[in-house]
PDB file of N, CA and C in Angstrom:
ATOM      1  N   MET A   1       0.854  -1.159   0.000  1.00  0.00           N
ATOM      2  CA  MET A   1       0.000   0.000   0.000  1.00  0.00           C
ATOM      3  C   MET A   1       0.907   1.230   0.000  1.00  0.00           C
ATOM      4  N   TYR A   2       0.590   2.189  -0.852  1.00  0.00           N
ATOM      5  CA  TYR A   2       1.334   3.441  -0.923  1.00  0.00           C
ATOM      6  C   TYR A   2       0.387   4.604  -0.671  1.00  0.00           C
ATOM      7  N   LEU A   3       0.792   5.507   0.208  1.00  0.00           N
ATOM      8  CA  LEU A   3       0.011   6.691   0.541  1.00  0.00           C
ATOM      9  C   LEU A   3       0.863   7.917   0.240  1.00  0.00           C
ATOM     10  N   PHE A   4       0.320   8.827  -0.580  1.00  0.00           N
ATOM     11  CA  PHE A   4       0.967  10.104  -0.867  1.00  0.00           C
ATOM     12  C   PHE A   4       0.013  11.204  -0.426  1.00  0.00           C
ATOM     13  N   TYR A   5       0.556  12.278   0.164  1.00  0.00           N
ATOM     14  CA  TYR A   5      -0.315  13.354   0.605  1.00  0.00           C
ATOM     15  C   TYR A   5       0.434  14.680   0.615  1.00  0.00           C
ATOM     16  N   THR A   6      -0.325  15.746   0.636  1.00  0.00           N
ATOM     17  CA  THR A   6       0.226  17.085   0.801  1.00  0.00           C
ATOM     18  C   THR A   6      -0.724  17.901   1.655  1.00  0.00           C
ATOM     19  N   ASN A   7      -0.163  18.841   2.389  1.00  0.00           N
ATOM     20  CA  ASN A   7      -0.970  19.798   3.149  1.00  0.00           C
ATOM     21  C   ASN A   7      -0.942  21.160   2.466  1.00  0.00           C
ATOM     22  N   GLU A   8      -0.612  21.162   1.174  1.00  0.00           N
ATOM     23  CA  GLU A   8      -0.562  22.402   0.399  1.00  0.00           C
ATOM     24  C   GLU A   8      -1.499  22.339  -0.801  1.00  0.00           C
ATOM     25  N   TYR A   9      -2.613  21.650  -0.640  1.00  0.00           N
ATOM     26  CA  TYR A   9      -3.596  21.505  -1.711  1.00  0.00           C
ATOM     27  C   TYR A   9      -4.274  22.840  -1.983  1.00  0.00           C
ATOM     28  N   LYS A  10      -4.348  23.211  -3.259  1.00  0.00           N
ATOM     29  CA  LYS A  10      -4.914  24.506  -3.659  1.00  0.00           C
ATOM     30  C   LYS A  10      -6.428  24.463  -3.877  1.00  0.00           C
ATOM     31  N   ARG A  11      -7.040  23.314  -3.666  1.00  0.00           N
ATOM     32  CA  ARG A  11      -8.492  23.147  -3.752  1.00  0.00           C
ATOM     33  C   ARG A  11      -9.037  23.482  -5.133  1.00  0.00           C
ATOM     34  N   GLU A  12      -8.371  22.960  -6.148  1.00  0.00           N
ATOM     35  CA  GLU A  12      -8.860  23.130  -7.507  1.00  0.00           C
ATOM     36  C   GLU A  12      -8.569  21.862  -8.301  1.00  0.00           C
ATOM     37  N   SER A  13      -9.414  21.600  -9.269  1.00  0.00           N
ATOM     38  CA  SER A  13      -9.331  20.377 -10.060  1.00  0.00           C
ATOM     39  C   SER A  13      -7.982  20.223 -10.753  1.00  0.00           C
ATOM     40  N   ALA A  14      -7.467  21.301 -11.330  1.00  0.00           N
ATOM     41  CA  ALA A  14      -6.184  21.231 -12.038  1.00  0.00           C
ATOM     42  C   ALA A  14      -5.058  20.822 -11.099  1.00  0.00           C
ATOM     43  N   HIS A  15      -5.078  21.327  -9.872  1.00  0.00           N
ATOM     44  CA  HIS A  15      -4.040  20.956  -8.916  1.00  0.00           C
ATOM     45  C   HIS A  15      -4.196  19.498  -8.487  1.00  0.00           C
ATOM     46  N   SER A  16      -5.431  19.049  -8.340  1.00  0.00           N
ATOM     47  CA  SER A  16      -5.670  17.650  -7.996  1.00  0.00           C
ATOM     48  C   SER A  16      -5.112  16.724  -9.084  1.00  0.00           C
ATOM     49  N   ARG A  17      -5.331  17.076 -10.354  1.00  0.00           N
ATOM     50  CA  ARG A  17      -4.801  16.273 -11.463  1.00  0.00           C
ATOM     51  C   ARG A  17      -3.276  16.283 -11.462  1.00  0.00           C
ATOM     52  N   GLU A  18      -2.691  17.439 -11.147  1.00  0.00           N
ATOM     53  CA  GLU A  18      -1.232  17.541 -11.071  1.00  0.00           C
ATOM     54  C   GLU A  18      -0.690  16.632  -9.970  1.00  0.00           C
ATOM     55  N   LEU A  19      -1.345  16.650  -8.798  1.00  0.00           N
ATOM     56  CA  LEU A  19      -0.932  15.793  -7.693  1.00  0.00           C
ATOM     57  C   LEU A  19      -1.135  14.314  -8.028  1.00  0.00           C
ATOM     58  N   LEU A  20      -2.225  14.008  -8.731  1.00  0.00           N
ATOM     59  CA  LEU A  20      -2.492  12.642  -9.155  1.00  0.00           C
ATOM     60  C   LEU A  20      -1.377  12.148 -10.071  1.00  0.00           C
ATOM     61  N   ALA A  21      -1.009  12.968 -11.051  1.00  0.00           N
ATOM     62  CA  ALA A  21       0.062  12.590 -11.987  1.00  0.00           C
ATOM     63  C   ALA A  21       1.389  12.408 -11.248  1.00  0.00           C
ATOM     64  N   ALA A  22       1.703  13.321 -10.334  1.00  0.00           N
ATOM     65  CA  ALA A  22       2.950  13.212  -9.568  1.00  0.00           C
ATOM     66  C   ALA A  22       2.963  11.947  -8.720  1.00  0.00           C
ATOM     67  N   SER A  23       1.819  11.602  -8.123  1.00  0.00           N
ATOM     68  CA  SER A  23       1.724  10.399  -7.290  1.00  0.00           C
ATOM     69  C   SER A  23       1.893   9.134  -8.123  1.00  0.00           C
ATOM     70  N   ILE A  24       1.265   9.103  -9.287  1.00  0.00           N
ATOM     71  CA  ILE A  24       1.408   7.937 -10.172  1.00  0.00           C
ATOM     72  C   ILE A  24       2.861   7.806 -10.621  1.00  0.00           C
ATOM     73  N   GLY A  25       3.483   8.929 -10.968  1.00  0.00           N
ATOM     74  CA  GLY A  25       4.896   8.905 -11.352  1.00  0.00           C
ATOM     75  C   GLY A  25       5.777   8.371 -10.242  1.00  0.00           C
ATOM     76  N   GLU A  26       5.548   8.821  -9.002  1.00  0.00           N
ATOM     77  CA  GLU A  26       6.319   8.332  -7.857  1.00  0.00           C
ATOM     78  C   GLU A  26       6.061   6.851  -7.615  1.00  0.00           C
ATOM     79  N   LEU A  27       4.826   6.430  -7.751  1.00  0.00           N
ATOM     80  CA  LEU A  27       4.482   5.021  -7.562  1.00  0.00           C
ATOM     81  C   LEU A  27       5.241   4.149  -8.558  1.00  0.00           C
ATOM     82  N   ILE A  28       5.294   4.572  -9.806  1.00  0.00           N
ATOM     83  CA  ILE A  28       6.003   3.804 -10.839  1.00  0.00           C
ATOM     84  C   ILE A  28       7.494   3.729 -10.506  1.00  0.00           C
ATOM     85  N   LYS A  29       8.074   4.834 -10.014  1.00  0.00           N
ATOM     86  CA  LYS A  29       9.498   4.846  -9.649  1.00  0.00           C
ATOM     87  C   LYS A  29       9.779   3.949  -8.453  1.00  0.00           C
ATOM     88  N   LEU A  30       8.865   3.949  -7.472  1.00  0.00           N
ATOM     89  CA  LEU A  30       9.079   3.204  -6.232  1.00  0.00           C
ATOM     90  C   LEU A  30       8.868   1.705  -6.371  1.00  0.00           C
ATOM     91  N   ASP A  31       7.946   1.311  -7.216  1.00  0.00           N
ATOM     92  CA  ASP A  31       7.561  -0.098  -7.272  1.00  0.00           C
ATOM     93  C   ASP A  31       7.553  -0.580  -8.711  1.00  0.00           C
ATOM     94  N   GLY A  32       8.594  -1.306  -9.082  1.00  0.00           N
ATOM     95  CA  GLY A  32       8.708  -1.826 -10.437  1.00  0.00           C
ATOM     96  C   GLY A  32       7.661  -2.865 -10.771  1.00  0.00           C
ATOM     97  N   TYR A  33       6.930  -3.330  -9.761  1.00  0.00           N
ATOM     98  CA  TYR A  33       5.917  -4.356  -9.988  1.00  0.00           C
ATOM     99  C   TYR A  33       4.516  -3.777 -10.158  1.00  0.00           C
ATOM    100  N   VAL A  34       4.403  -2.453 -10.183  1.00  0.00           N
ATOM    101  CA  VAL A  34       3.102  -1.809 -10.371  1.00  0.00           C
ATOM    102  C   VAL A  34       2.576  -2.195 -11.742  1.00  0.00           C
ATOM    103  N   SER A  35       1.310  -2.550 -11.787  1.00  0.00           N
ATOM    104  CA  SER A  35       0.733  -3.050 -13.036  1.00  0.00           C
ATOM    105  C   SER A  35       0.309  -1.915 -13.967  1.00  0.00           C
ATOM    106  N   VAL A  36       1.296  -1.273 -14.599  1.00  0.00           N
ATOM    107  CA  VAL A  36       1.034  -0.302 -15.659  1.00  0.00           C
ATOM    108  C   VAL A  36       1.796  -0.773 -16.887  1.00  0.00           C
ATOM    109  N   THR A  37       1.306  -0.387 -18.043  1.00  0.00           N
ATOM    110  CA  THR A  37       1.983  -0.779 -19.273  1.00  0.00           C
ATOM    111  C   THR A  37       3.320  -0.046 -19.372  1.00  0.00           C
ATOM    112  N   SER A  38       4.228  -0.586 -20.157  1.00  0.00           N
ATOM    113  CA  SER A  38       5.528   0.063 -20.343  1.00  0.00           C
ATOM    114  C   SER A  38       5.363   1.427 -21.002  1.00  0.00           C
ATOM    115  N   GLU A  39       4.312   1.576 -21.822  1.00  0.00           N
ATOM    116  CA  GLU A  39       4.053   2.871 -22.461  1.00  0.00           C
ATOM    117  C   GLU A  39       3.708   3.935 -21.414  1.00  0.00           C
ATOM    118  N   ILE A  40       2.864   3.584 -20.438  1.00  0.00           N
ATOM    119  CA  ILE A  40       2.508   4.527 -19.376  1.00  0.00           C
ATOM    120  C   ILE A  40       3.729   4.807 -18.503  1.00  0.00           C
ATOM    121  N   ALA A  41       4.483   3.776 -18.168  1.00  0.00           N
ATOM    122  CA  ALA A  41       5.664   3.934 -17.313  1.00  0.00           C
ATOM    123  C   ALA A  41       6.707   4.849 -17.951  1.00  0.00           C
ATOM    124  N   ALA A  42       6.740   4.923 -19.271  1.00  0.00           N
ATOM    125  CA  ALA A  42       7.737   5.727 -19.976  1.00  0.00           C
ATOM    126  C   ALA A  42       7.331   7.192 -20.139  1.00  0.00           C
ATOM    127  N   LEU A  43       6.099   7.557 -19.769  1.00  0.00           N
ATOM    128  CA  LEU A  43       5.627   8.930 -19.952  1.00  0.00           C
ATOM    129  C   LEU A  43       6.321   9.895 -18.986  1.00  0.00           C
ATOM    130  N   ASP A  44       6.652  11.103 -19.461  1.00  0.00           N
ATOM    131  CA  ASP A  44       7.166  12.128 -18.554  1.00  0.00           C
ATOM    132  C   ASP A  44       5.971  12.780 -17.852  1.00  0.00           C
ATOM    133  N   ASP A  45       6.242  13.713 -16.938  1.00  0.00           N
ATOM    134  CA  ASP A  45       5.164  14.323 -16.143  1.00  0.00           C
ATOM    135  C   ASP A  45       4.095  14.983 -17.014  1.00  0.00           C
ATOM    136  N   HIS A  46       4.510  15.740 -18.000  1.00  0.00           N
ATOM    137  CA  HIS A  46       3.556  16.429 -18.887  1.00  0.00           C
ATOM    138  C   HIS A  46       2.707  15.415 -19.661  1.00  0.00           C
ATOM    139  N   GLU A  47       3.348  14.397 -20.214  1.00  0.00           N
ATOM    140  CA  GLU A  47       2.630  13.372 -20.972  1.00  0.00           C
ATOM    141  C   GLU A  47       1.685  12.580 -20.073  1.00  0.00           C
ATOM    142  N   LEU A  48       2.109  12.327 -18.839  1.00  0.00           N
ATOM    143  CA  LEU A  48       1.259  11.595 -17.895  1.00  0.00           C
ATOM    144  C   LEU A  48       0.018  12.411 -17.543  1.00  0.00           C
ATOM    145  N   ARG A  49       0.166  13.716 -17.343  1.00  0.00           N
ATOM    146  CA  ARG A  49      -1.001  14.571 -17.069  1.00  0.00           C
ATOM    147  C   ARG A  49      -1.970  14.551 -18.247  1.00  0.00           C
ATOM    148  N   ARG A  50      -1.433  14.593 -19.471  1.00  0.00           N
ATOM    149  CA  ARG A  50      -2.286  14.539 -20.667  1.00  0.00           C
ATOM    150  C   ARG A  50      -2.987  13.178 -20.750  1.00  0.00           C
ATOM    151  N   TYR A  51      -2.248  12.104 -20.449  1.00  0.00           N
ATOM    152  CA  TYR A  51      -2.838  10.759 -20.474  1.00  0.00           C
ATOM    153  C   TYR A  51      -3.990  10.674 -19.474  1.00  0.00           C
ATOM    154  N   ILE A  52      -3.777  11.213 -18.275  1.00  0.00           N
ATOM    155  CA  ILE A  52      -4.825  11.204 -17.252  1.00  0.00           C
ATOM    156  C   ILE A  52      -6.053  11.952 -17.750  1.00  0.00           C
ATOM    157  N   SER A  53      -5.857  13.152 -18.280  1.00  0.00           N
ATOM    158  CA  SER A  53      -6.982  13.955 -18.779  1.00  0.00           C
ATOM    159  C   SER A  53      -7.764  13.243 -19.876  1.00  0.00           C
ATOM    160  N   ASP A  54      -7.037  12.534 -20.733  1.00  0.00           N
ATOM    161  CA  ASP A  54      -7.683  11.837 -21.848  1.00  0.00           C
ATOM    162  C   ASP A  54      -8.352  10.529 -21.438  1.00  0.00           C
ATOM    163  N   ASN A  55      -7.944   9.949 -20.312  1.00  0.00           N
ATOM    164  CA  ASN A  55      -8.414   8.606 -19.956  1.00  0.00           C
ATOM    165  C   ASN A  55      -9.129   8.497 -18.625  1.00  0.00           C
ATOM    166  N   ILE A  56      -9.342   9.602 -17.927  1.00  0.00           N
ATOM    167  CA  ILE A  56     -10.011   9.521 -16.631  1.00  0.00           C
ATOM    168  C   ILE A  56     -11.518   9.362 -16.839  1.00  0.00           C
ATOM    169  N   GLU A  57     -12.105   8.493 -16.046  1.00  0.00           N
ATOM    170  CA  GLU A  57     -13.548   8.273 -16.058  1.00  0.00           C
ATOM    171  C   GLU A  57     -14.043   8.310 -14.626  1.00  0.00           C
ATOM    172  N   VAL A  58     -15.273   8.701 -14.441  1.00  0.00           N
ATOM    173  CA  VAL A  58     -15.874   8.769 -13.114  1.00  0.00           C
ATOM    174  C   VAL A  58     -17.099   7.868 -13.112  1.00  0.00           C
ATOM    175  N   ASN A  59     -17.182   6.967 -12.118  1.00  0.00           N
ATOM    176  CA  ASN A  59     -18.346   6.080 -12.063  1.00  0.00           C
ATOM    177  C   ASN A  59     -19.553   6.808 -11.472  1.00  0.00           C
ATOM    178  N   LYS A  60     -20.678   6.115 -11.368  1.00  0.00           N
ATOM    179  CA  LYS A  60     -21.921   6.748 -10.898  1.00  0.00           C
ATOM    180  C   LYS A  60     -21.821   7.259  -9.461  1.00  0.00           C
ATOM    181  N   ASN A  61     -20.870   6.737  -8.676  1.00  0.00           N
ATOM    182  CA  ASN A  61     -20.676   7.195  -7.303  1.00  0.00           C
ATOM    183  C   ASN A  61     -19.646   8.313  -7.195  1.00  0.00           C
ATOM    184  N   GLY A  62     -19.089   8.747  -8.336  1.00  0.00           N
ATOM    185  CA  GLY A  62     -18.116   9.833  -8.339  1.00  0.00           C
ATOM    186  C   GLY A  62     -16.671   9.404  -8.175  1.00  0.00           C
ATOM    187  N   LYS A  63     -16.419   8.081  -8.147  1.00  0.00           N
ATOM    188  CA  LYS A  63     -15.052   7.593  -7.982  1.00  0.00           C
ATOM    189  C   LYS A  63     -14.345   7.598  -9.334  1.00  0.00           C
ATOM    190  N   PRO A  64     -13.204   8.310  -9.416  1.00  0.00           N
ATOM    191  CA  PRO A  64     -12.470   8.336 -10.685  1.00  0.00           C
ATOM    192  C   PRO A  64     -11.622   7.083 -10.877  1.00  0.00           C
ATOM    193  N   SER A  65     -11.417   6.726 -12.125  1.00  0.00           N
ATOM    194  CA  SER A  65     -10.483   5.644 -12.476  1.00  0.00           C
ATOM    195  C   SER A  65      -9.834   6.033 -13.794  1.00  0.00           C
ATOM    196  N   ILE A  66      -8.659   5.474 -14.012  1.00  0.00           N
ATOM    197  CA  ILE A  66      -7.896   5.779 -15.218  1.00  0.00           C
ATOM    198  C   ILE A  66      -7.465   4.469 -15.848  1.00  0.00           C
ATOM    199  N   LYS A  67      -7.811   4.294 -17.106  1.00  0.00           N
ATOM    200  CA  LYS A  67      -7.450   3.080 -17.834  1.00  0.00           C
ATOM    201  C   LYS A  67      -5.937   2.867 -17.755  1.00  0.00           C
ATOM    202  N   GLY A  68      -5.548   1.677 -17.302  1.00  0.00           N
ATOM    203  CA  GLY A  68      -4.135   1.321 -17.247  1.00  0.00           C
ATOM    204  C   GLY A  68      -3.421   1.703 -15.968  1.00  0.00           C
ATOM    205  N   ILE A  69      -4.127   2.344 -15.031  1.00  0.00           N
ATOM    206  CA  ILE A  69      -3.535   2.769 -13.756  1.00  0.00           C
ATOM    207  C   ILE A  69      -4.147   1.917 -12.644  1.00  0.00           C
ATOM    208  N   PRO A  70      -3.321   1.427 -11.695  1.00  0.00           N
ATOM    209  CA  PRO A  70      -3.881   0.621 -10.602  1.00  0.00           C
ATOM    210  C   PRO A  70      -4.967   1.373  -9.833  1.00  0.00           C
ATOM    211  N   ASP A  71      -5.850   0.611  -9.183  1.00  0.00           N
ATOM    212  CA  ASP A  71      -6.926   1.195  -8.385  1.00  0.00           C
ATOM    213  C   ASP A  71      -6.338   2.144  -7.339  1.00  0.00           C
ATOM    214  N   TYR A  72      -7.058   3.201  -7.042  1.00  0.00           N
ATOM    215  CA  TYR A  72      -6.628   4.171  -6.054  1.00  0.00           C
ATOM    216  C   TYR A  72      -7.844   4.821  -5.419  1.00  0.00           C
ATOM    217  N   SER A  73      -7.601   5.501  -4.301  1.00  0.00           N
ATOM    218  CA  SER A  73      -8.647   6.269  -3.635  1.00  0.00           C
ATOM    219  C   SER A  73      -8.065   7.622  -3.267  1.00  0.00           C
ATOM    220  N   ILE A  74      -8.778   8.691  -3.623  1.00  0.00           N
ATOM    221  CA  ILE A  74      -8.348  10.062  -3.322  1.00  0.00           C
ATOM    222  C   ILE A  74      -9.327  10.660  -2.324  1.00  0.00           C
ATOM    223  N   SER A  75      -8.784  11.431  -1.397  1.00  0.00           N
ATOM    224  CA  SER A  75      -9.616  12.197  -0.485  1.00  0.00           C
ATOM    225  C   SER A  75      -8.959  13.555  -0.286  1.00  0.00           C
ATOM    226  N   HIS A  76      -9.777  14.595  -0.101  1.00  0.00           N
ATOM    227  CA  HIS A  76      -9.224  15.925   0.105  1.00  0.00           C
ATOM    228  C   HIS A  76     -10.202  16.780   0.887  1.00  0.00           C
ATOM    229  N   GLY A  77      -9.663  17.794   1.497  1.00  0.00           N
ATOM    230  CA  GLY A  77     -10.461  18.750   2.242  1.00  0.00           C
ATOM    231  C   GLY A  77      -9.543  19.830   2.761  1.00  0.00           C
ATOM    232  N   GLU A  78     -10.082  21.033   2.813  1.00  0.00           N
ATOM    233  CA  GLU A  78      -9.299  22.201   3.194  1.00  0.00           C
ATOM    234  C   GLU A  78      -7.999  22.188   2.396  1.00  0.00           C
ATOM    235  N   ASN A  79      -6.838  22.161   3.038  1.00  0.00           N
ATOM    236  CA  ASN A  79      -5.587  22.197   2.281  1.00  0.00           C
ATOM    237  C   ASN A  79      -4.891  20.834   2.205  1.00  0.00           C
ATOM    238  N   THR A  80      -5.581  19.768   2.581  1.00  0.00           N
ATOM    239  CA  THR A  80      -4.990  18.433   2.552  1.00  0.00           C
ATOM    240  C   THR A  80      -5.544  17.624   1.390  1.00  0.00           C
ATOM    241  N   TRP A  81      -4.641  16.973   0.670  1.00  0.00           N
ATOM    242  CA  TRP A  81      -4.984  16.098  -0.451  1.00  0.00           C
ATOM    243  C   TRP A  81      -4.199  14.815  -0.242  1.00  0.00           C
ATOM    244  N   ALA A  82      -4.861  13.657  -0.401  1.00  0.00           N
ATOM    245  CA  ALA A  82      -4.187  12.374  -0.198  1.00  0.00           C
ATOM    246  C   ALA A  82      -4.691  11.358  -1.210  1.00  0.00           C
ATOM    247  N   ILE A  83      -3.797  10.449  -1.562  1.00  0.00           N
ATOM    248  CA  ILE A  83      -4.141   9.346  -2.457  1.00  0.00           C
ATOM    249  C   ILE A  83      -3.507   8.082  -1.905  1.00  0.00           C
ATOM    250  N   ILE A  84      -4.236   6.996  -2.016  1.00  0.00           N
ATOM    251  CA  ILE A  84      -3.720   5.710  -1.570  1.00  0.00           C
ATOM    252  C   ILE A  84      -3.836   4.716  -2.722  1.00  0.00           C
ATOM    253  N   PHE A  85      -2.758   3.976  -2.944  1.00  0.00           N
ATOM    254  CA  PHE A  85      -2.748   2.893  -3.919  1.00  0.00           C
ATOM    255  C   PHE A  85      -2.664   1.602  -3.109  1.00  0.00           C
ATOM    256  N   PRO A  86      -3.746   0.856  -3.042  1.00  0.00           N
ATOM    257  CA  PRO A  86      -3.777  -0.324  -2.178  1.00  0.00           C
ATOM    258  C   PRO A  86      -3.304  -1.595  -2.879  1.00  0.00           C
ATOM    259  N   ILE A  87      -3.001  -2.571  -2.074  1.00  0.00           N
ATOM    260  CA  ILE A  87      -2.790  -3.918  -2.581  1.00  0.00           C
ATOM    261  C   ILE A  87      -4.153  -4.597  -2.657  1.00  0.00           C
ATOM    262  N   HIS A  88      -5.006  -4.318  -1.679  1.00  0.00           N
ATOM    263  CA  HIS A  88      -6.382  -4.801  -1.638  1.00  0.00           C
ATOM    264  C   HIS A  88      -7.297  -3.588  -1.732  1.00  0.00           C
ATOM    265  N   HIS A  89      -8.581  -3.794  -1.939  1.00  0.00           N
ATOM    266  CA  HIS A  89      -9.531  -2.693  -2.054  1.00  0.00           C
ATOM    267  C   HIS A  89      -9.577  -1.889  -0.756  1.00  0.00           C
ATOM    268  N   VAL A  90      -9.426  -0.570  -0.871  1.00  0.00           N
ATOM    269  CA  VAL A  90      -9.539   0.317   0.288  1.00  0.00           C
ATOM    270  C   VAL A  90     -10.262   1.594  -0.120  1.00  0.00           C
ATOM    271  N   ALA A  91     -10.670   2.346   0.871  1.00  0.00           N
ATOM    272  CA  ALA A  91     -11.229   3.680   0.658  1.00  0.00           C
ATOM    273  C   ALA A  91     -10.532   4.613   1.633  1.00  0.00           C
ATOM    274  N   LEU A  92     -10.216   5.811   1.181  1.00  0.00           N
ATOM    275  CA  LEU A  92      -9.571   6.807   2.019  1.00  0.00           C
ATOM    276  C   LEU A  92     -10.606   7.872   2.349  1.00  0.00           C
ATOM    277  N   ILE A  93     -10.735   8.182   3.636  1.00  0.00           N
ATOM    278  CA  ILE A  93     -11.746   9.137   4.085  1.00  0.00           C
ATOM    279  C   ILE A  93     -11.057  10.269   4.828  1.00  0.00           C
ATOM    280  N   TYR A  94     -11.370  11.486   4.431  1.00  0.00           N
ATOM    281  CA  TYR A  94     -10.856  12.678   5.093  1.00  0.00           C
ATOM    282  C   TYR A  94     -12.009  13.300   5.861  1.00  0.00           C
ATOM    283  N   SER A  95     -11.781  13.594   7.115  1.00  0.00           N
ATOM    284  CA  SER A  95     -12.847  14.247   7.869  1.00  0.00           C
ATOM    285  C   SER A  95     -12.266  15.269   8.822  1.00  0.00           C
ATOM    286  N   ILE A  96     -13.019  16.296   9.058  1.00  0.00           N
ATOM    287  CA  ILE A  96     -12.661  17.332  10.034  1.00  0.00           C
ATOM    288  C   ILE A  96     -13.570  17.129  11.235  1.00  0.00           C
ATOM    289  N   ILE A  97     -12.978  17.091  12.391  1.00  0.00           N
ATOM    290  CA  ILE A  97     -13.747  16.958  13.625  1.00  0.00           C
ATOM    291  C   ILE A  97     -13.675  18.309  14.330  1.00  0.00           C
ATOM    292  N   GLU A  98     -14.815  18.886  14.621  1.00  0.00           N
ATOM    293  CA  GLU A  98     -14.840  20.169  15.325  1.00  0.00           C
ATOM    294  C   GLU A  98     -15.347  19.940  16.737  1.00  0.00           C
ATOM    295  N   ARG A  99     -14.635  20.530  17.676  1.00  0.00           N
ATOM    296  CA  ARG A  99     -15.051  20.488  19.076  1.00  0.00           C
ATOM    297  C   ARG A  99     -15.282  21.907  19.537  1.00  0.00           C
ATOM    298  N   GLN A 100     -16.400  22.152  20.108  1.00  0.00           N
ATOM    299  CA  GLN A 100     -16.687  23.481  20.637  1.00  0.00           C
ATOM    300  C   GLN A 100     -15.913  23.661  21.939  1.00  0.00           C
ATOM    301  N   SER A 101     -15.305  24.804  22.087  1.00  0.00           N
ATOM    302  CA  SER A 101     -14.579  25.120  23.308  1.00  0.00           C
ATOM    303  C   SER A 101     -15.573  25.656  24.333  1.00  0.00           C
ATOM    304  N   LEU A 102     -15.517  25.148  25.528  1.00  0.00           N
ATOM    305  CA  LEU A 102     -16.432  25.595  26.574  1.00  0.00           C
ATOM    306  C   LEU A 102     -15.987  26.917  27.190  1.00  0.00           C
ATOM    307  N   ARG A 103     -14.695  27.249  27.085  1.00  0.00           N
ATOM    308  CA  ARG A 103     -14.189  28.461  27.704  1.00  0.00           C
ATOM    309  C   ARG A 103     -14.294  29.686  26.799  1.00  0.00           C
ATOM    310  N   LYS A 104     -14.550  29.486  25.521  1.00  0.00           N
ATOM    311  CA  LYS A 104     -14.599  30.598  24.582  1.00  0.00           C
ATOM    312  C   LYS A 104     -16.010  30.734  24.033  1.00  0.00           C
ATOM    313  N   SER A 105     -16.184  31.690  23.178  1.00  0.00           N
ATOM    314  CA  SER A 105     -17.502  31.898  22.588  1.00  0.00           C
ATOM    315  C   SER A 105     -17.892  30.681  21.753  1.00  0.00           C
ATOM    316  N   PRO A 106     -19.185  30.492  21.499  1.00  0.00           N
ATOM    317  CA  PRO A 106     -19.646  29.332  20.730  1.00  0.00           C
ATOM    318  C   PRO A 106     -19.036  29.250  19.325  1.00  0.00           C
ATOM    319  N   ARG A 107     -18.548  30.354  18.793  1.00  0.00           N
ATOM    320  CA  ARG A 107     -17.947  30.325  17.460  1.00  0.00           C
ATOM    321  C   ARG A 107     -16.551  29.728  17.472  1.00  0.00           C
ATOM    322  N   SER A 108     -15.885  29.749  18.612  1.00  0.00           N
ATOM    323  CA  SER A 108     -14.534  29.202  18.690  1.00  0.00           C
ATOM    324  C   SER A 108     -14.592  27.683  18.645  1.00  0.00           C
ATOM    325  N   SER A 109     -13.661  27.124  17.966  1.00  0.00           N
ATOM    326  CA  SER A 109     -13.618  25.662  17.913  1.00  0.00           C
ATOM    327  C   SER A 109     -12.185  25.210  17.711  1.00  0.00           C
ATOM    328  N   THR A 110     -11.955  23.991  18.018  1.00  0.00           N
ATOM    329  CA  THR A 110     -10.672  23.356  17.779  1.00  0.00           C
ATOM    330  C   THR A 110     -10.874  22.387  16.628  1.00  0.00           C
ATOM    331  N   ARG A 111      -9.994  22.445  15.645  1.00  0.00           N
ATOM    332  CA  ARG A 111     -10.134  21.550  14.498  1.00  0.00           C
ATOM    333  C   ARG A 111      -9.053  20.494  14.528  1.00  0.00           C
ATOM    334  N   LYS A 112      -9.437  19.290  14.203  1.00  0.00           N
ATOM    335  CA  LYS A 112      -8.496  18.192  14.055  1.00  0.00           C
ATOM    336  C   LYS A 112      -8.727  17.564  12.697  1.00  0.00           C
ATOM    337  N   MET A 113      -7.687  17.065  12.093  1.00  0.00           N
ATOM    338  CA  MET A 113      -7.828  16.359  10.843  1.00  0.00           C
ATOM    339  C   MET A 113      -7.608  14.878  11.111  1.00  0.00           C
ATOM    340  N   ARG A 114      -8.415  14.057  10.480  1.00  0.00           N
ATOM    341  CA  ARG A 114      -8.254  12.622  10.644  1.00  0.00           C
ATOM    342  C   ARG A 114      -8.296  11.987   9.252  1.00  0.00           C
ATOM    343  N   LEU A 115      -7.259  11.248   8.910  1.00  0.00           N
ATOM    344  CA  LEU A 115      -7.234  10.453   7.696  1.00  0.00           C
ATOM    345  C   LEU A 115      -7.245   9.005   8.131  1.00  0.00           C
ATOM    346  N   LYS A 116      -8.090   8.224   7.506  1.00  0.00           N
ATOM    347  CA  LYS A 116      -8.076   6.816   7.862  1.00  0.00           C
ATOM    348  C   LYS A 116      -8.312   5.991   6.611  1.00  0.00           C
ATOM    349  N   ALA A 117      -7.675   4.866   6.555  1.00  0.00           N
ATOM    350  CA  ALA A 117      -7.864   3.948   5.436  1.00  0.00           C
ATOM    351  C   ALA A 117      -8.738   2.813   5.922  1.00  0.00           C
ATOM    352  N   LEU A 118      -9.742   2.493   5.147  1.00  0.00           N
ATOM    353  CA  LEU A 118     -10.650   1.412   5.479  1.00  0.00           C
ATOM    354  C   LEU A 118     -10.441   0.292   4.477  1.00  0.00           C
ATOM    355  N   THR A 119     -10.163  -0.883   4.939  1.00  0.00           N
ATOM    356  CA  THR A 119     -10.005  -2.002   4.012  1.00  0.00           C
ATOM    357  C   THR A 119     -11.319  -2.727   3.888  1.00  0.00           C
ATOM    358  N   GLY A 120     -11.501  -3.348   2.754  1.00  0.00           N
ATOM    359  CA  GLY A 120     -12.764  -4.050   2.548  1.00  0.00           C
ATOM    360  C   GLY A 120     -12.615  -5.209   1.638  1.00  0.00           C
TER     361      GLY A 120
END
């Protein structure tokens, strides 16, 4: 299982695609056994982004997939973006937990970020 993430997500589709391409590129470099074709493995960053744009599909539940790329799960929120490439089926969930502070006004809150991988 490989997990890539950043806390500098710009919250835009183009940046998400850029991060997706960078993650796939890193995955190919890290694991020679990743099931991608030699043609995909040989693409540079620019070509990989174009390949993603031309081949990305979204199912009825909104989950994206790319022909020739191993299964993955992306989650993002606020400035955090993460992707997981599993060995088995998983889902990545990003959630913000807000706790109201009893000592401050009701508008004050403490935020925590929680990323968790669920296997299934």
